[in-house]
Amino acid sequence: MTGQTHSLCIMFSGFLSIALVIAIIIVIYLLKIVHESCEE
């Protein structure tokens, strides 16, 4: 039971790190779009 919980925690932390990277990329992408639309 302990091992299963541990692997679940590793999987969850990995998912969180991936979600964090995706969120940062989306924010940068949106900022770039806003910046380009403001320059026009």
Protein backbone atom coordinates (compact mmCIF):
# COMPACT_ATOMS: atom_id res chain seq x y z
CA MET A 1 0.00 0.00 0.00
CA THR A 2 2.81 2.40 0.89
CA GLY A 3 4.62 1.73 -2.40
CA GLN A 4 1.46 2.36 -4.40
CA THR A 5 0.89 5.67 -2.63
CA HIS A 6 4.52 6.65 -3.23
CA SER A 7 4.31 5.99 -6.99
CA LEU A 8 1.05 7.93 -7.06
CA CYS A 9 2.77 10.89 -5.40
CA ILE A 10 5.60 10.75 -7.96
CA MET A 11 3.07 10.63 -10.80
CA PHE A 12 1.11 13.53 -9.29
CA SER A 13 4.22 15.69 -8.77
CA GLY A 14 5.29 14.96 -12.35
CA PHE A 15 1.84 15.95 -13.60
CA LEU A 16 1.99 19.16 -11.54
CA SER A 17 5.39 20.12 -12.97
CA ILE A 18 4.17 19.48 -16.53
CA ALA A 19 1.00 21.50 -15.90
CA LEU A 20 3.12 24.33 -14.46
CA VAL A 21 5.35 24.42 -17.57
CA ILE A 22 2.30 24.40 -19.87
CA ALA A 23 0.71 27.24 -17.87
CA ILE A 24 3.89 29.34 -18.13
CA ILE A 25 4.09 28.73 -21.91
CA ILE A 26 0.42 29.76 -22.32
CA VAL A 27 0.96 32.96 -20.30
CA ILE A 28 4.05 33.90 -22.36
CA TYR A 29 2.14 33.14 -25.58
CA LEU A 30 -0.81 35.30 -24.51
CA LEU A 31 1.49 38.16 -23.46
CA LYS A 32 3.20 37.99 -26.87
CA ILE A 33 -0.18 38.16 -28.66
CA VAL A 34 -1.30 41.13 -26.53
CA HIS A 35 2.01 42.91 -27.12
CA GLU A 36 1.78 42.42 -30.90
CA SER A 37 -1.84 43.60 -31.03
CA CYS A 38 -0.94 46.70 -28.98
CA GLU A 39 1.91 47.61 -31.35
CA GLU A 40 -0.36 47.70 -34.40
